[in-house]
Protein backbone atom coordinates (compact mmCIF):
# COMPACT_ATOMS: atom_id res chain seq x y z
CA MET A 1 8.96 23.18 -71.13
CA ARG A 2 6.05 23.43 -68.74
CA LYS A 3 6.35 19.75 -67.96
CA LYS A 4 10.03 20.19 -67.01
CA ILE A 5 9.17 23.06 -64.63
CA ILE A 6 6.49 20.96 -62.89
CA ILE A 7 8.89 18.03 -62.53
CA GLY A 8 11.63 20.36 -61.21
CA VAL A 9 9.29 21.93 -58.62
CA ALA A 10 8.07 18.48 -57.56
CA LEU A 11 11.67 17.25 -57.16
CA LEU A 12 12.57 20.36 -55.18
CA LEU A 13 9.58 19.80 -52.85
CA ILE A 14 10.50 16.15 -52.37
CA ILE A 15 14.10 17.06 -51.57
CA CYS A 16 12.98 19.76 -49.09
CA LEU A 17 10.55 17.36 -47.46
CA GLY A 18 13.24 14.66 -47.21
CA VAL A 19 15.70 17.08 -45.59
CA PHE A 20 13.04 18.26 -43.13
CA ILE A 21 12.13 14.68 -42.18
CA TYR A 22 15.78 13.65 -41.90
CA PHE A 23 16.61 16.42 -39.44
CA ASN A 24 13.40 16.34 -37.38
CA VAL A 25 12.26 12.73 -37.05
CA GLY A 26 13.84 10.67 -34.32
CA ILE A 27 15.19 13.60 -32.39
CA GLU A 28 14.76 12.95 -28.69
CA THR A 29 14.38 16.03 -26.63
CA GLU A 30 15.71 15.83 -23.09
CA TYR A 31 13.07 16.25 -20.40
CA THR A 32 14.08 18.35 -17.45
CA PRO A 33 11.79 17.94 -14.43
CA GLU A 34 10.76 21.01 -12.51
CA ALA A 35 12.22 19.57 -9.33
CA GLU A 36 14.79 16.82 -8.99
CA ILE A 37 13.43 13.55 -7.63
CA ASP A 38 15.76 12.00 -5.10
CA GLU A 39 16.28 8.30 -4.49
CA ALA A 40 14.06 8.21 -1.40
CA GLU A 41 11.08 9.54 -3.35
CA TYR A 42 11.48 6.73 -5.89
CA ARG A 43 11.12 4.21 -3.08
CA ASN A 44 7.89 5.61 -1.63
CA THR A 45 4.91 3.30 -1.57
CA VAL A 46 1.36 3.67 -0.24
CA VAL A 47 0.06 1.24 2.37
CA SER A 48 -3.56 0.87 3.49
CA LEU A 49 -4.14 0.84 7.23
CA TYR A 50 -7.61 0.11 8.60
CA PHE A 51 -8.85 2.17 11.54
CA GLN A 52 -12.37 2.75 12.83
CA ASN A 53 -14.37 5.91 12.33
CA LYS A 54 -14.88 7.62 15.69
CA GLU A 55 -18.57 8.24 15.05
CA SER A 56 -19.86 5.35 12.94
CA LYS A 57 -17.41 2.74 14.33
CA GLU A 58 -16.97 1.37 10.80
CA LEU A 59 -13.52 0.45 9.54
CA GLN A 60 -12.03 2.92 7.08
CA VAL A 61 -8.76 3.04 5.20
CA GLU A 62 -5.99 5.47 6.01
CA ALA A 63 -3.49 5.58 3.14
CA ARG A 64 0.02 6.18 4.39
CA LEU A 65 3.16 6.91 2.37
CA LEU A 66 6.19 4.83 3.43
CA ASP A 67 9.71 4.29 2.22
CA SER A 68 9.53 0.78 0.75
CA LYS A 69 12.87 -0.03 2.42
CA GLU A 70 10.96 -0.09 5.72
CA LEU A 71 8.91 -3.01 4.40
CA LEU A 72 11.79 -5.14 3.12
CA ASP A 73 12.84 -7.00 6.27
CA ASN A 74 9.48 -7.82 7.82
CA PRO A 75 6.49 -6.06 6.27
CA TYR A 76 4.07 -7.85 8.61
CA ASN A 77 5.68 -6.52 11.78
CA LYS A 78 5.92 -3.03 10.26
CA LEU A 79 2.21 -2.93 9.34
CA VAL A 80 1.08 -4.27 12.73
CA ASN A 81 3.29 -1.74 14.52
CA LEU A 82 1.86 1.09 12.40
CA LEU A 83 -1.63 0.01 13.50
CA LEU A 84 -0.54 -0.16 17.13
CA GLU A 85 0.93 3.36 16.87
CA GLY A 86 -2.48 4.66 15.79
CA THR A 87 -3.87 6.94 13.13
CA SER A 88 -2.84 10.42 12.13
CA LEU A 89 -6.38 11.42 11.11
CA GLU A 90 -8.72 13.16 13.56
CA THR A 91 -11.82 11.32 12.32
CA LEU A 92 -10.35 7.86 12.92
CA GLU A 93 -9.18 5.91 15.96
CA SER A 94 -7.46 2.63 16.59
CA PRO A 95 -9.85 -0.19 17.51
CA ILE A 96 -6.94 -2.18 18.97
CA PRO A 97 -6.86 -2.01 22.78
CA GLN A 98 -4.17 0.23 24.27
CA ASP A 99 -0.95 -1.37 25.48
CA THR A 100 -1.30 -4.27 23.01
CA LYS A 101 2.18 -5.37 21.97
CA LEU A 102 3.32 -7.33 18.95
CA ILE A 103 5.30 -10.41 19.94
CA GLY A 104 5.92 -11.60 16.40
CA THR A 105 4.57 -12.69 13.03
CA VAL A 106 5.17 -15.81 10.93
CA LEU A 107 3.89 -16.53 7.42
CA GLU A 108 2.71 -20.14 7.13
CA GLY A 109 1.76 -20.68 3.50
CA GLU A 110 -0.76 -17.94 2.76
CA CYS A 111 -1.83 -17.55 6.40
CA LEU A 112 -0.05 -15.04 8.60
CA VAL A 113 0.18 -15.97 12.28
CA VAL A 114 0.19 -12.83 14.45
CA ASN A 115 1.30 -13.25 18.07
CA LEU A 116 0.02 -10.42 20.29
CA SER A 117 0.17 -9.69 24.02
CA LYS A 118 -2.81 -10.46 26.28
CA GLU A 119 -3.84 -6.79 26.22
CA PHE A 120 -5.36 -7.47 22.79
CA LEU A 121 -8.22 -9.21 24.61
CA ASN A 122 -8.98 -6.08 26.69
CA THR A 123 -12.06 -4.96 24.78
CA PRO A 124 -15.12 -4.00 26.83
CA GLU A 125 -17.10 -7.05 27.92
CA GLY A 126 -19.84 -7.86 25.42
CA ASP A 127 -18.76 -5.17 22.94
CA VAL A 128 -18.83 -7.30 19.80
CA ILE A 129 -18.18 -4.33 17.51
CA ALA A 130 -15.01 -3.36 19.40
CA ARG A 131 -13.65 -6.93 19.28
CA THR A 132 -14.60 -7.38 15.61
CA ASN A 133 -13.03 -4.07 14.60
CA ALA A 134 -9.83 -4.87 16.51
CA ILE A 135 -9.55 -8.20 14.68
CA TYR A 136 -10.45 -6.92 11.22
CA SER A 137 -8.31 -3.81 11.52
CA LEU A 138 -5.36 -6.20 11.53
CA VAL A 139 -6.82 -8.72 9.08
CA ASN A 140 -7.84 -6.17 6.44
CA THR A 141 -4.50 -4.34 6.68
CA LEU A 142 -2.37 -7.49 6.46
CA THR A 143 -4.36 -9.12 3.65
CA GLU A 144 -3.60 -6.08 1.48
CA LEU A 145 -0.28 -7.89 0.95
CA LYS A 146 -0.69 -10.29 -1.96
CA GLU A 147 0.98 -13.22 -0.20
CA VAL A 148 -1.41 -13.07 2.79
CA SER A 149 -4.93 -14.46 2.37
CA CYS A 150 -5.82 -15.01 6.04
CA VAL A 151 -4.63 -14.13 9.54
CA LYS A 152 -4.51 -16.37 12.62
CA PHE A 153 -4.02 -14.93 16.09
CA LEU A 154 -2.02 -16.16 19.05
CA ILE A 155 -2.10 -14.47 22.44
CA ASP A 156 1.21 -14.67 24.28
CA GLY A 157 2.15 -17.61 22.04
CA ALA A 158 -0.99 -19.67 22.70
CA GLU A 159 -4.27 -20.20 20.87
CA VAL A 160 -7.34 -18.61 22.41
CA GLU A 161 -10.69 -20.31 21.78
CA GLU A 162 -12.44 -17.31 20.20
CA LEU A 163 -9.45 -16.56 17.93
CA LYS A 164 -8.35 -20.08 17.00
CA ASN A 165 -9.72 -20.07 13.43
CA PRO A 166 -7.99 -18.00 10.73
CA PHE A 167 -9.73 -14.80 9.62
CA ALA A 168 -10.04 -13.67 5.99
CA LYS A 169 -10.63 -10.12 4.79
CA ILE A 170 -14.22 -8.86 4.87
């Protein structure tokens, strides 16, 4: 008799456990976000723009949030134009000479050719840091794109002796 009671209780526990598992396993609960995320927020991406520190004159990254649709047509032109527009941070400044204009960009293999106006050469005479920062502000920003490994510069469509060799990220 005692054996039958133990078997009955064991069967009852197994049945209860089976019913519990059946009704609770595999149930997906619907997640409701606190705030709805719209389509534009899904498209946001962070780009790294290199500007120089006002005090130390070293290049530093400014991370900027952009709608990735802005980068679809010509990401190279968009990034160069963002650099030409300047920084939004008080501690940074653009090392690129004022009034520099972008004429165009062309990707040749893994090297991006950037055609700028002659104003790009308007760094103070003998200021190697200013010229280097202007160049590498563009190079470091553009080589953040995986398809770009180096940048070559043209000034008003022509090669300039000091900029004729491609530059890689430092």
